[in-house]
Amino acid sequence: MDNLIPTKTIKENGVIAIKNGIKPNPNKHIPIERKPKWLRIKSQNSSKFRELKEIVSHKKLHTVCEEAMCPNIQECWSHGTATFMLLGSVCTRACKFCAVDTGNPKGQIDAKEPEKVANSIAQMNLKYAVLTSVNRDDLEDGGAMHFAQTVVSTKKEAPGVIIEALVPDFLGKRESIETLLDSNVEVFAQNLETVKRLTHQVRDHRAGYEQTLEVLAYAKKYSPKTISKTSLMLGLGESEDELLESFNDIRSAGVDVLTLGQYMRPTINHLPVEKWYSPEEFQYMKKLALDIGFKEVASGPLVRSSYRADKIAHLIKD
């Protein structure tokens, strides 16, 4: 995990990828930061967690919980909530905060994946399912049709399930946004990740602060009843004023739900943590965001964009 040299790996489909998406960078001499006590996670090994792990392994499904080394995997799976990663486990981008493998899948798609994911969601008896994916810039529509097919298949196999799609930016293509929204997905999410000043050094060069805001704004304009959502990581060197600016920019794009969580460095080759925010500071940020007008804000050190996403189900029902 602390390997200083990017390591090539061959995935199960023959795609060559860079493990953990790492690239040589000037931060590798900085040791992994020691986490404060409030970030120590209690180990859970419930029967529900083991059951979901077996289903995911047996069906060879990719979950962001595993691929991105999410700290909440045991808690969420123990509560019967899982986030499925569509379109494989190799991302065409290399954001400097993310541990997902980077490479070029060269247009490969598992045509049976929508059906497999739908069957798994039905088998798990989930009421709220999150679908996300790696970036697939090698596909003309960025994978939008694959998302839509998965949503439609899931609603057929598991009637009544609420579906959230946490999508790539589709390079800002409106046709792709429309394709997904036409599937009647209940929640549309695309993550801004960080404040405007830090975007270039944190995200892949193909991503953009304004591009994400435009994607979110167009999604709300095209489908006003669909809940829109985005997420910011804290601890990358942003100021409170910059966060407030982002809160206002996000709300101006019509976004309903905001999640705020602590950035944690996945390997020594990724960006270092500049600040550990306390639970009290996260609650303070939550109040600031709610005062701006968000319908729901999830804010805490271990909160991730899809963490206990079922908590916003009431917005759909309302």
C-alpha atoms as a PDB file:
ATOM      1  CA  MET A   1       0.000   0.000   0.000  1.00  0.00           C
ATOM      2  CA  ASP A   2       2.944   2.341   0.617  1.00  0.00           C
ATOM      3  CA  ASN A   3       4.632   1.326  -2.647  1.00  0.00           C
ATOM      4  CA  LEU A   4       6.521   4.302  -4.093  1.00  0.00           C
ATOM      5  CA  ILE A   5       6.527   3.010  -7.670  1.00  0.00           C
ATOM      6  CA  PRO A   6       3.391   2.805  -9.852  1.00  0.00           C
ATOM      7  CA  THR A   7       2.714  -0.873 -10.494  1.00  0.00           C
ATOM      8  CA  LYS A   8       1.150  -2.214 -13.679  1.00  0.00           C
ATOM      9  CA  THR A   9      -1.404  -4.947 -13.203  1.00  0.00           C
ATOM     10  CA  ILE A  10      -3.405  -7.064 -15.637  1.00  0.00           C
ATOM     11  CA  LYS A  11      -7.103  -7.235 -14.837  1.00  0.00           C
ATOM     12  CA  GLU A  12      -9.324 -10.261 -15.351  1.00  0.00           C
ATOM     13  CA  ASN A  13     -10.420  -9.008 -18.798  1.00  0.00           C
ATOM     14  CA  GLY A  14      -6.864  -8.503 -20.035  1.00  0.00           C
ATOM     15  CA  VAL A  15      -6.848  -4.723 -19.569  1.00  0.00           C
ATOM     16  CA  ILE A  16      -3.513  -3.315 -18.403  1.00  0.00           C
ATOM     17  CA  ALA A  17      -3.968  -0.837 -15.570  1.00  0.00           C
ATOM     18  CA  ILE A  18      -1.961   1.154 -13.041  1.00  0.00           C
ATOM     19  CA  LYS A  19      -2.737  -0.240  -9.594  1.00  0.00           C
ATOM     20  CA  ASN A  20      -4.455   2.294  -7.307  1.00  0.00           C
ATOM     21  CA  GLY A  21      -4.307   4.841 -10.139  1.00  0.00           C
ATOM     22  CA  ILE A  22      -1.061   6.255  -8.783  1.00  0.00           C
ATOM     23  CA  LYS A  23       1.506   8.305 -10.681  1.00  0.00           C
ATOM     24  CA  PRO A  24       4.898   9.650  -9.546  1.00  0.00           C
ATOM     25  CA  ASN A  25       4.332  12.819  -7.545  1.00  0.00           C
ATOM     26  CA  PRO A  26       6.227  15.197  -5.243  1.00  0.00           C
ATOM     27  CA  ASN A  27       4.227  14.105  -2.180  1.00  0.00           C
ATOM     28  CA  LYS A  28       5.545  10.553  -1.909  1.00  0.00           C
ATOM     29  CA  HIS A  29       8.241  11.567   0.580  1.00  0.00           C
ATOM     30  CA  ILE A  30       5.513  12.635   3.039  1.00  0.00           C
ATOM     31  CA  PRO A  31       4.589   9.700   5.333  1.00  0.00           C
ATOM     32  CA  ILE A  32       0.994   8.545   5.625  1.00  0.00           C
ATOM     33  CA  GLU A  33      -0.643  10.729   8.241  1.00  0.00           C
ATOM     34  CA  ARG A  34      -1.717   9.253  11.577  1.00  0.00           C
ATOM     35  CA  LYS A  35      -5.491   9.370  11.870  1.00  0.00           C
ATOM     36  CA  PRO A  36      -7.082  11.070  14.893  1.00  0.00           C
ATOM     37  CA  LYS A  37      -9.043   8.948  17.337  1.00  0.00           C
ATOM     38  CA  TRP A  38     -12.448   9.859  15.894  1.00  0.00           C
ATOM     39  CA  LEU A  39     -11.494   8.181  12.607  1.00  0.00           C
ATOM     40  CA  ARG A  40     -10.752   4.807  14.133  1.00  0.00           C
ATOM     41  CA  ILE A  41     -13.361   2.401  12.827  1.00  0.00           C
ATOM     42  CA  LYS A  42     -14.834  -0.322  14.979  1.00  0.00           C
ATOM     43  CA  SER A  43     -14.574  -3.686  13.265  1.00  0.00           C
ATOM     44  CA  GLN A  44     -17.871  -5.311  12.357  1.00  0.00           C
ATOM     45  CA  ASN A  45     -18.282  -8.780  10.948  1.00  0.00           C
ATOM     46  CA  SER A  46     -22.017  -9.341  11.003  1.00  0.00           C
ATOM     47  CA  SER A  47     -23.822 -12.133   9.220  1.00  0.00           C
ATOM     48  CA  LYS A  48     -25.357  -9.551   6.863  1.00  0.00           C
ATOM     49  CA  PHE A  49     -21.892  -8.272   5.929  1.00  0.00           C
ATOM     50  CA  ARG A  50     -20.672 -11.797   5.192  1.00  0.00           C
ATOM     51  CA  GLU A  51     -23.827 -12.543   3.191  1.00  0.00           C
ATOM     52  CA  LEU A  52     -23.424  -9.498   0.943  1.00  0.00           C
ATOM     53  CA  LYS A  53     -19.708 -10.143   0.505  1.00  0.00           C
ATOM     54  CA  GLU A  54     -20.465 -13.674  -0.685  1.00  0.00           C
ATOM     55  CA  ILE A  55     -23.100 -12.458  -3.172  1.00  0.00           C
ATOM     56  CA  VAL A  56     -20.787  -9.786  -4.607  1.00  0.00           C
ATOM     57  CA  SER A  57     -17.908 -12.251  -4.909  1.00  0.00           C
ATOM     58  CA  HIS A  58     -20.013 -15.038  -6.423  1.00  0.00           C
ATOM     59  CA  LYS A  59     -21.529 -12.767  -9.082  1.00  0.00           C
ATOM     60  CA  LYS A  60     -18.167 -11.068  -9.749  1.00  0.00           C
ATOM     61  CA  LEU A  61     -19.662  -7.641  -9.144  1.00  0.00           C
ATOM     62  CA  HIS A  62     -17.572  -4.522  -8.614  1.00  0.00           C
ATOM     63  CA  THR A  63     -18.503  -2.329  -5.657  1.00  0.00           C
ATOM     64  CA  VAL A  64     -17.042   1.085  -4.992  1.00  0.00           C
ATOM     65  CA  CYS A  65     -16.944  -0.006  -1.353  1.00  0.00           C
ATOM     66  CA  GLU A  66     -14.117  -2.421  -2.184  1.00  0.00           C
ATOM     67  CA  GLU A  67     -12.446  -0.757  -5.164  1.00  0.00           C
ATOM     68  CA  ALA A  68     -12.078   2.658  -3.488  1.00  0.00           C
ATOM     69  CA  MET A  69     -11.150   1.217  -0.066  1.00  0.00           C
ATOM     70  CA  CYS A  70     -14.142   2.913   1.575  1.00  0.00           C
ATOM     71  CA  PRO A  71     -13.786   3.064   5.372  1.00  0.00           C
ATOM     72  CA  ASN A  72     -17.510   2.419   5.842  1.00  0.00           C
ATOM     73  CA  ILE A  73     -17.755  -0.891   4.003  1.00  0.00           C
ATOM     74  CA  GLN A  74     -18.479  -2.996   7.079  1.00  0.00           C
ATOM     75  CA  GLU A  75     -21.035  -0.575   8.533  1.00  0.00           C
ATOM     76  CA  CYS A  76     -22.947  -0.064   5.282  1.00  0.00           C
ATOM     77  CA  TRP A  77     -22.919  -3.721   4.290  1.00  0.00           C
ATOM     78  CA  SER A  78     -23.973  -4.709   7.791  1.00  0.00           C
ATOM     79  CA  HIS A  79     -27.008  -2.442   7.317  1.00  0.00           C
ATOM     80  CA  GLY A  80     -27.768  -4.092   3.974  1.00  0.00           C
ATOM     81  CA  THR A  81     -26.687  -1.113   1.862  1.00  0.00           C
ATOM     82  CA  ALA A  82     -24.186  -1.437  -0.983  1.00  0.00           C
ATOM     83  CA  THR A  83     -22.940   0.726  -3.831  1.00  0.00           C
ATOM     84  CA  PHE A  84     -22.351  -1.055  -7.123  1.00  0.00           C
ATOM     85  CA  MET A  85     -19.577  -0.011  -9.469  1.00  0.00           C
ATOM     86  CA  LEU A  86     -20.645  -0.489 -13.078  1.00  0.00           C
ATOM     87  CA  LEU A  87     -18.519  -0.701 -16.213  1.00  0.00           C
ATOM     88  CA  GLY A  88     -15.582  -2.533 -14.665  1.00  0.00           C
ATOM     89  CA  SER A  89     -12.910  -1.555 -12.173  1.00  0.00           C
ATOM     90  CA  VAL A  90     -10.495   0.329 -14.460  1.00  0.00           C
ATOM     91  CA  CYS A  91     -10.941   4.106 -14.699  1.00  0.00           C
ATOM     92  CA  THR A  92      -9.768   6.163 -17.665  1.00  0.00           C
ATOM     93  CA  ARG A  93      -8.850   9.014 -15.318  1.00  0.00           C
ATOM     94  CA  ALA A  94      -6.278   9.388 -12.555  1.00  0.00           C
ATOM     95  CA  CYS A  95      -7.517  11.782  -9.880  1.00  0.00           C
ATOM     96  CA  LYS A  96      -4.876  12.388  -7.233  1.00  0.00           C
ATOM     97  CA  PHE A  97      -7.133  11.434  -4.320  1.00  0.00           C
ATOM     98  CA  CYS A  98      -8.528   8.166  -5.663  1.00  0.00           C
ATOM     99  CA  ALA A  99      -7.245   4.584  -5.335  1.00  0.00           C
ATOM    100  CA  VAL A 100      -9.174   3.044  -8.235  1.00  0.00           C
ATOM    101  CA  ASP A 101      -6.968   1.443 -10.920  1.00  0.00           C
ATOM    102  CA  THR A 102      -6.282   3.571 -14.017  1.00  0.00           C
ATOM    103  CA  GLY A 103      -6.070   2.363 -17.614  1.00  0.00           C
ATOM    104  CA  ASN A 104      -7.888   2.122 -20.941  1.00  0.00           C
ATOM    105  CA  PRO A 105     -10.653  -0.522 -21.065  1.00  0.00           C
ATOM    106  CA  LYS A 106     -10.845   0.041 -24.846  1.00  0.00           C
ATOM    107  CA  GLY A 107     -14.612  -0.037 -25.054  1.00  0.00           C
ATOM    108  CA  GLN A 108     -15.108  -3.285 -23.137  1.00  0.00           C
ATOM    109  CA  ILE A 109     -18.536  -3.656 -21.512  1.00  0.00           C
ATOM    110  CA  ASP A 110     -20.164  -6.578 -19.739  1.00  0.00           C
ATOM    111  CA  ALA A 111     -23.518  -6.670 -21.538  1.00  0.00           C
ATOM    112  CA  LYS A 112     -24.921  -8.943 -18.835  1.00  0.00           C
ATOM    113  CA  GLU A 113     -24.005  -6.582 -15.993  1.00  0.00           C
ATOM    114  CA  PRO A 114     -27.331  -4.673 -15.852  1.00  0.00           C
ATOM    115  CA  GLU A 115     -29.190  -7.946 -15.353  1.00  0.00           C
ATOM    116  CA  LYS A 116     -26.636  -9.290 -12.853  1.00  0.00           C
ATOM    117  CA  VAL A 117     -26.760  -6.133 -10.749  1.00  0.00           C
ATOM    118  CA  ALA A 118     -30.562  -6.071 -10.860  1.00  0.00           C
ATOM    119  CA  ASN A 119     -30.762  -9.691  -9.731  1.00  0.00           C
ATOM    120  CA  SER A 120     -28.300  -9.025  -6.917  1.00  0.00           C
ATOM    121  CA  ILE A 121     -30.234  -6.005  -5.646  1.00  0.00           C
ATOM    122  CA  ALA A 122     -33.394  -8.113  -5.644  1.00  0.00           C
ATOM    123  CA  GLN A 123     -31.593 -10.978  -3.891  1.00  0.00           C
ATOM    124  CA  MET A 124     -30.200  -8.607  -1.258  1.00  0.00           C
ATOM    125  CA  ASN A 125     -33.683  -7.181  -0.727  1.00  0.00           C
ATOM    126  CA  LEU A 126     -32.360  -3.622  -0.888  1.00  0.00           C
ATOM    127  CA  LYS A 127     -34.818  -0.747  -0.679  1.00  0.00           C
ATOM    128  CA  TYR A 128     -32.268   1.882  -1.740  1.00  0.00           C
ATOM    129  CA  ALA A 129     -29.503   1.050  -4.193  1.00  0.00           C
ATOM    130  CA  VAL A 130     -26.617   3.225  -5.352  1.00  0.00           C
ATOM    131  CA  LEU A 131     -25.147   2.727  -8.821  1.00  0.00           C
ATOM    132  CA  THR A 132     -21.844   4.360  -9.674  1.00  0.00           C
ATOM    133  CA  SER A 133     -18.997   3.742 -12.079  1.00  0.00           C
ATOM    134  CA  VAL A 134     -15.458   4.480 -13.027  1.00  0.00           C
ATOM    135  CA  ASN A 135     -14.997   7.159 -15.683  1.00  0.00           C
ATOM    136  CA  ARG A 136     -15.280   5.616 -19.136  1.00  0.00           C
ATOM    137  CA  ASP A 137     -14.029   8.283 -21.517  1.00  0.00           C
ATOM    138  CA  ASP A 138     -13.365   5.481 -24.017  1.00  0.00           C
ATOM    139  CA  LEU A 139     -17.137   5.187 -24.575  1.00  0.00           C
ATOM    140  CA  GLU A 140     -18.982   7.704 -26.759  1.00  0.00           C
ATOM    141  CA  ASP A 141     -21.730   8.271 -24.174  1.00  0.00           C
ATOM    142  CA  GLY A 142     -19.476   7.787 -21.139  1.00  0.00           C
ATOM    143  CA  GLY A 143     -21.513   4.743 -20.141  1.00  0.00           C
ATOM    144  CA  ALA A 144     -24.861   6.548 -19.823  1.00  0.00           C
ATOM    145  CA  MET A 145     -26.842   3.901 -21.713  1.00  0.00           C
ATOM    146  CA  HIS A 146     -25.326   1.160 -19.548  1.00  0.00           C
ATOM    147  CA  PHE A 147     -26.436   3.084 -16.445  1.00  0.00           C
ATOM    148  CA  ALA A 148     -29.932   3.499 -17.880  1.00  0.00           C
ATOM    149  CA  GLN A 149     -30.209  -0.187 -18.751  1.00  0.00           C
ATOM    150  CA  THR A 150     -29.166  -1.104 -15.206  1.00  0.00           C
ATOM    151  CA  VAL A 151     -31.783   1.225 -13.714  1.00  0.00           C
ATOM    152  CA  VAL A 152     -34.539  -0.205 -15.930  1.00  0.00           C
ATOM    153  CA  SER A 153     -33.487  -3.813 -15.225  1.00  0.00           C
ATOM    154  CA  THR A 154     -33.338  -3.152 -11.487  1.00  0.00           C
ATOM    155  CA  LYS A 155     -36.807  -1.613 -11.370  1.00  0.00           C
ATOM    156  CA  LYS A 156     -38.118  -4.648 -13.219  1.00  0.00           C
ATOM    157  CA  GLU A 157     -36.476  -7.153 -10.862  1.00  0.00           C
ATOM    158  CA  ALA A 158     -36.953  -5.175  -7.657  1.00  0.00           C
ATOM    159  CA  PRO A 159     -40.131  -3.055  -7.944  1.00  0.00           C
ATOM    160  CA  GLY A 160     -40.249  -0.195  -5.478  1.00  0.00           C
ATOM    161  CA  VAL A 161     -36.496   0.107  -5.031  1.00  0.00           C
ATOM    162  CA  ILE A 162     -35.172   3.675  -4.934  1.00  0.00           C
ATOM    163  CA  ILE A 163     -32.120   4.107  -7.157  1.00  0.00           C
ATOM    164  CA  GLU A 164     -29.372   6.694  -6.919  1.00  0.00           C
ATOM    165  CA  ALA A 165     -26.968   7.083  -9.846  1.00  0.00           C
ATOM    166  CA  LEU A 166     -23.614   8.571  -8.844  1.00  0.00           C
ATOM    167  CA  VAL A 167     -22.250   9.234 -12.305  1.00  0.00           C
ATOM    168  CA  PRO A 168     -19.106  10.509 -14.053  1.00  0.00           C
ATOM    169  CA  ASP A 169     -19.385  13.929 -15.668  1.00  0.00           C
ATOM    170  CA  PHE A 170     -19.930  12.352 -19.122  1.00  0.00           C
ATOM    171  CA  LEU A 171     -17.561  15.102 -20.369  1.00  0.00           C
ATOM    172  CA  GLY A 172     -20.542  17.408 -19.980  1.00  0.00           C
ATOM    173  CA  LYS A 173     -22.515  15.765 -22.810  1.00  0.00           C
ATOM    174  CA  ARG A 174     -26.178  16.659 -22.392  1.00  0.00           C
ATOM    175  CA  GLU A 175     -27.355  13.692 -24.449  1.00  0.00           C
ATOM    176  CA  SER A 176     -25.756  11.339 -21.916  1.00  0.00           C
ATOM    177  CA  ILE A 177     -27.375  13.145 -18.990  1.00  0.00           C
ATOM    178  CA  GLU A 178     -30.757  12.887 -20.710  1.00  0.00           C
ATOM    179  CA  THR A 179     -30.274   9.186 -21.464  1.00  0.00           C
ATOM    180  CA  LEU A 180     -29.794   8.437 -17.785  1.00  0.00           C
ATOM    181  CA  LEU A 181     -32.578  10.676 -16.513  1.00  0.00           C
ATOM    182  CA  ASP A 182     -35.035   9.160 -18.997  1.00  0.00           C
ATOM    183  CA  SER A 183     -34.636   5.854 -17.108  1.00  0.00           C
ATOM    184  CA  ASN A 184     -36.596   7.424 -14.205  1.00  0.00           C
ATOM    185  CA  VAL A 185     -33.739   7.189 -11.716  1.00  0.00           C
ATOM    186  CA  GLU A 186     -34.781   8.915  -8.475  1.00  0.00           C
ATOM    187  CA  VAL A 187     -31.451  10.508  -7.472  1.00  0.00           C
ATOM    188  CA  PHE A 188     -28.844  12.006  -9.827  1.00  0.00           C
ATOM    189  CA  ALA A 189     -25.423  12.599  -8.263  1.00  0.00           C
ATOM    190  CA  GLN A 190     -22.134  13.933  -9.623  1.00  0.00           C
ATOM    191  CA  ASN A 191     -19.363  14.876  -7.236  1.00  0.00           C
ATOM    192  CA  LEU A 192     -17.684  18.275  -7.215  1.00  0.00           C
ATOM    193  CA  GLU A 193     -15.043  16.770  -4.884  1.00  0.00           C
ATOM    194  CA  THR A 194     -13.241  19.992  -3.855  1.00  0.00           C
ATOM    195  CA  VAL A 195     -13.281  23.787  -3.966  1.00  0.00           C
ATOM    196  CA  LYS A 196     -12.588  25.726  -7.158  1.00  0.00           C
ATOM    197  CA  ARG A 197      -8.967  26.660  -6.396  1.00  0.00           C
ATOM    198  CA  LEU A 198      -7.915  23.068  -5.694  1.00  0.00           C
ATOM    199  CA  THR A 199      -9.765  21.360  -8.540  1.00  0.00           C
ATOM    200  CA  HIS A 200      -6.820  21.217 -10.958  1.00  0.00           C
ATOM    201  CA  GLN A 201      -4.420  19.685  -8.434  1.00  0.00           C
ATOM    202  CA  VAL A 202      -6.980  17.242  -6.988  1.00  0.00           C
ATOM    203  CA  ARG A 203      -8.969  15.997  -9.992  1.00  0.00           C
ATOM    204  CA  ASP A 204      -7.957  14.613 -13.377  1.00  0.00           C
ATOM    205  CA  HIS A 205      -7.368  17.297 -16.014  1.00  0.00           C
ATOM    206  CA  ARG A 206     -10.486  16.189 -17.920  1.00  0.00           C
ATOM    207  CA  ALA A 207     -12.676  17.046 -14.945  1.00  0.00           C
ATOM    208  CA  GLY A 208     -13.619  20.606 -14.101  1.00  0.00           C
ATOM    209  CA  TYR A 209     -15.284  22.651 -11.376  1.00  0.00           C
ATOM    210  CA  GLU A 210     -17.572  24.494 -13.795  1.00  0.00           C
ATOM    211  CA  GLN A 211     -18.211  21.350 -15.839  1.00  0.00           C
ATOM    212  CA  THR A 212     -19.555  19.464 -12.820  1.00  0.00           C
ATOM    213  CA  LEU A 213     -21.760  22.404 -11.831  1.00  0.00           C
ATOM    214  CA  GLU A 214     -23.098  22.604 -15.390  1.00  0.00           C
ATOM    215  CA  VAL A 215     -23.875  18.865 -15.383  1.00  0.00           C
ATOM    216  CA  LEU A 216     -25.773  19.188 -12.102  1.00  0.00           C
ATOM    217  CA  ALA A 217     -27.632  22.307 -13.246  1.00  0.00           C
ATOM    218  CA  TYR A 218     -28.682  20.731 -16.540  1.00  0.00           C
ATOM    219  CA  ALA A 219     -29.858  17.559 -14.803  1.00  0.00           C
ATOM    220  CA  LYS A 220     -32.114  19.613 -12.532  1.00  0.00           C
ATOM    221  CA  LYS A 221     -33.398  21.672 -15.479  1.00  0.00           C
ATOM    222  CA  TYR A 222     -34.136  18.569 -17.573  1.00  0.00           C
ATOM    223  CA  SER A 223     -35.762  16.626 -14.736  1.00  0.00           C
ATOM    224  CA  PRO A 224     -36.824  18.990 -11.909  1.00  0.00           C
ATOM    225  CA  LYS A 225     -38.423  16.225  -9.827  1.00  0.00           C
ATOM    226  CA  THR A 226     -35.233  14.146  -9.714  1.00  0.00           C
ATOM    227  CA  ILE A 227     -33.274  14.677  -6.496  1.00  0.00           C
ATOM    228  CA  SER A 228     -29.804  16.068  -7.260  1.00  0.00           C
ATOM    229  CA  LYS A 229     -26.788  15.483  -5.079  1.00  0.00           C
ATOM    230  CA  THR A 230     -23.056  16.200  -4.843  1.00  0.00           C
ATOM    231  CA  SER A 231     -20.161  15.730  -2.444  1.00  0.00           C
ATOM    232  CA  LEU A 232     -17.097  17.586  -1.186  1.00  0.00           C
ATOM    233  CA  MET A 233     -14.000  16.232   0.540  1.00  0.00           C
ATOM    234  CA  LEU A 234     -12.540  18.317   3.362  1.00  0.00           C
ATOM    235  CA  GLY A 235      -8.906  18.368   4.421  1.00  0.00           C
ATOM    236  CA  LEU A 236      -7.134  19.141   1.139  1.00  0.00           C
ATOM    237  CA  GLY A 237      -6.148  22.681   2.071  1.00  0.00           C
ATOM    238  CA  GLU A 238      -9.394  24.561   1.464  1.00  0.00           C
ATOM    239  CA  SER A 239     -10.465  27.558   3.560  1.00  0.00           C
ATOM    240  CA  GLU A 240     -13.859  28.161   5.156  1.00  0.00           C
ATOM    241  CA  ASP A 241     -14.522  31.010   2.727  1.00  0.00           C
ATOM    242  CA  GLU A 242     -13.770  28.703  -0.207  1.00  0.00           C
ATOM    243  CA  LEU A 243     -16.142  26.088   1.170  1.00  0.00           C
ATOM    244  CA  LEU A 244     -18.884  28.687   1.545  1.00  0.00           C
ATOM    245  CA  GLU A 245     -18.277  29.771  -2.047  1.00  0.00           C
ATOM    246  CA  SER A 246     -18.662  26.162  -3.183  1.00  0.00           C
ATOM    247  CA  PHE A 247     -21.801  25.678  -1.067  1.00  0.00           C
ATOM    248  CA  ASN A 248     -23.366  28.678  -2.801  1.00  0.00           C
ATOM    249  CA  ASP A 249     -22.217  27.569  -6.260  1.00  0.00           C
ATOM    250  CA  ILE A 250     -23.686  24.110  -5.681  1.00  0.00           C
ATOM    251  CA  ARG A 251     -26.992  25.429  -4.387  1.00  0.00           C
ATOM    252  CA  SER A 252     -27.193  27.856  -7.327  1.00  0.00           C
ATOM    253  CA  ALA A 253     -26.989  24.806  -9.606  1.00  0.00           C
ATOM    254  CA  GLY A 254     -30.204  23.550  -8.003  1.00  0.00           C
ATOM    255  CA  VAL A 255     -28.601  20.747  -5.996  1.00  0.00           C
ATOM    256  CA  ASP A 256     -30.817  19.344  -3.230  1.00  0.00           C
ATOM    257  CA  VAL A 257     -28.438  17.179  -1.188  1.00  0.00           C
ATOM    258  CA  LEU A 258     -24.831  17.762  -0.103  1.00  0.00           C
ATOM    259  CA  THR A 259     -22.440  15.368   1.614  1.00  0.00           C
ATOM    260  CA  LEU A 260     -19.245  16.434   3.375  1.00  0.00           C
ATOM    261  CA  GLY A 261     -16.531  14.020   4.483  1.00  0.00           C
ATOM    262  CA  GLN A 262     -12.896  13.896   5.538  1.00  0.00           C
ATOM    263  CA  TYR A 263     -10.318  13.224   2.822  1.00  0.00           C
ATOM    264  CA  MET A 264      -8.129  10.269   3.773  1.00  0.00           C
ATOM    265  CA  ARG A 265      -5.001   9.500   1.796  1.00  0.00           C
ATOM    266  CA  PRO A 266      -5.269   5.985   0.299  1.00  0.00           C
ATOM    267  CA  THR A 267      -1.534   5.480  -0.460  1.00  0.00           C
ATOM    268  CA  ILE A 268       1.699   7.401  -0.049  1.00  0.00           C
ATOM    269  CA  ASN A 269       1.538   8.369  -3.727  1.00  0.00           C
ATOM    270  CA  HIS A 270      -1.712  10.295  -3.299  1.00  0.00           C
ATOM    271  CA  LEU A 271      -2.245  13.828  -2.027  1.00  0.00           C
ATOM    272  CA  PRO A 272      -1.387  14.323   1.660  1.00  0.00           C
ATOM    273  CA  VAL A 273      -3.985  15.335   4.234  1.00  0.00           C
ATOM    274  CA  GLU A 274      -3.638  19.037   5.044  1.00  0.00           C
ATOM    275  CA  LYS A 275      -6.122  19.081   7.931  1.00  0.00           C
ATOM    276  CA  TRP A 276      -8.153  16.677  10.052  1.00  0.00           C
ATOM    277  CA  TYR A 277     -11.579  18.198  10.688  1.00  0.00           C
ATOM    278  CA  SER A 278     -13.155  17.339  14.032  1.00  0.00           C
ATOM    279  CA  PRO A 279     -16.734  16.014  14.325  1.00  0.00           C
ATOM    280  CA  GLU A 280     -17.698  19.405  15.774  1.00  0.00           C
ATOM    281  CA  GLU A 281     -16.308  21.221  12.731  1.00  0.00           C
ATOM    282  CA  PHE A 282     -18.297  18.945  10.447  1.00  0.00           C
ATOM    283  CA  GLN A 283     -21.468  19.806  12.349  1.00  0.00           C
ATOM    284  CA  TYR A 284     -20.618  23.494  11.990  1.00  0.00           C
ATOM    285  CA  MET A 285     -20.209  23.056   8.224  1.00  0.00           C
ATOM    286  CA  LYS A 286     -23.511  21.187   8.096  1.00  0.00           C
ATOM    287  CA  LYS A 287     -25.309  24.126   9.715  1.00  0.00           C
ATOM    288  CA  LEU A 288     -23.744  26.571   7.244  1.00  0.00           C
ATOM    289  CA  ALA A 289     -24.893  24.412   4.326  1.00  0.00           C
ATOM    290  CA  LEU A 290     -28.422  23.956   5.673  1.00  0.00           C
ATOM    291  CA  ASP A 291     -28.721  27.709   6.191  1.00  0.00           C
ATOM    292  CA  ILE A 292     -27.974  28.185   2.483  1.00  0.00           C
ATOM    293  CA  GLY A 293     -31.004  26.059   1.628  1.00  0.00           C
ATOM    294  CA  PHE A 294     -30.000  22.447   0.996  1.00  0.00           C
ATOM    295  CA  LYS A 295     -32.809  19.977   1.673  1.00  0.00           C
ATOM    296  CA  GLU A 296     -30.445  17.470   3.287  1.00  0.00           C
ATOM    297  CA  VAL A 297     -26.794  17.576   4.389  1.00  0.00           C
ATOM    298  CA  ALA A 298     -24.765  14.586   5.570  1.00  0.00           C
ATOM    299  CA  SER A 299     -21.591  15.808   7.239  1.00  0.00           C
ATOM    300  CA  GLY A 300     -19.030  13.883   9.262  1.00  0.00           C
ATOM    301  CA  PRO A 301     -15.446  12.580   9.214  1.00  0.00           C
ATOM    302  CA  LEU A 302     -16.439   9.192   7.784  1.00  0.00           C
ATOM    303  CA  VAL A 303     -19.230  10.378   5.496  1.00  0.00           C
ATOM    304  CA  ARG A 304     -18.775   9.468   1.838  1.00  0.00           C
ATOM    305  CA  SER A 305     -20.969  10.412  -1.118  1.00  0.00           C
ATOM    306  CA  SER A 306     -22.997   7.203  -0.900  1.00  0.00           C
ATOM    307  CA  TYR A 307     -22.715   6.645   2.870  1.00  0.00           C
ATOM    308  CA  ARG A 308     -26.073   5.423   4.232  1.00  0.00           C
ATOM    309  CA  ALA A 309     -27.701   7.018   1.186  1.00  0.00           C
ATOM    310  CA  ASP A 310     -31.022   5.526   2.251  1.00  0.00           C
ATOM    311  CA  LYS A 311     -31.329   8.388   4.735  1.00  0.00           C
ATOM    312  CA  ILE A 312     -32.505  10.701   1.935  1.00  0.00           C
ATOM    313  CA  ALA A 313     -35.295   8.357   0.844  1.00  0.00           C
ATOM    314  CA  HIS A 314     -37.846  10.607   2.560  1.00  0.00           C
ATOM    315  CA  LEU A 315     -37.150  13.343  -0.013  1.00  0.00           C
ATOM    316  CA  ILE A 316     -38.391  11.062  -2.787  1.00  0.00           C
ATOM    317  CA  LYS A 317     -41.491  10.108  -0.811  1.00  0.00           C
ATOM    318  CA  ASP A 318     -42.218  13.750  -0.017  1.00  0.00           C
END
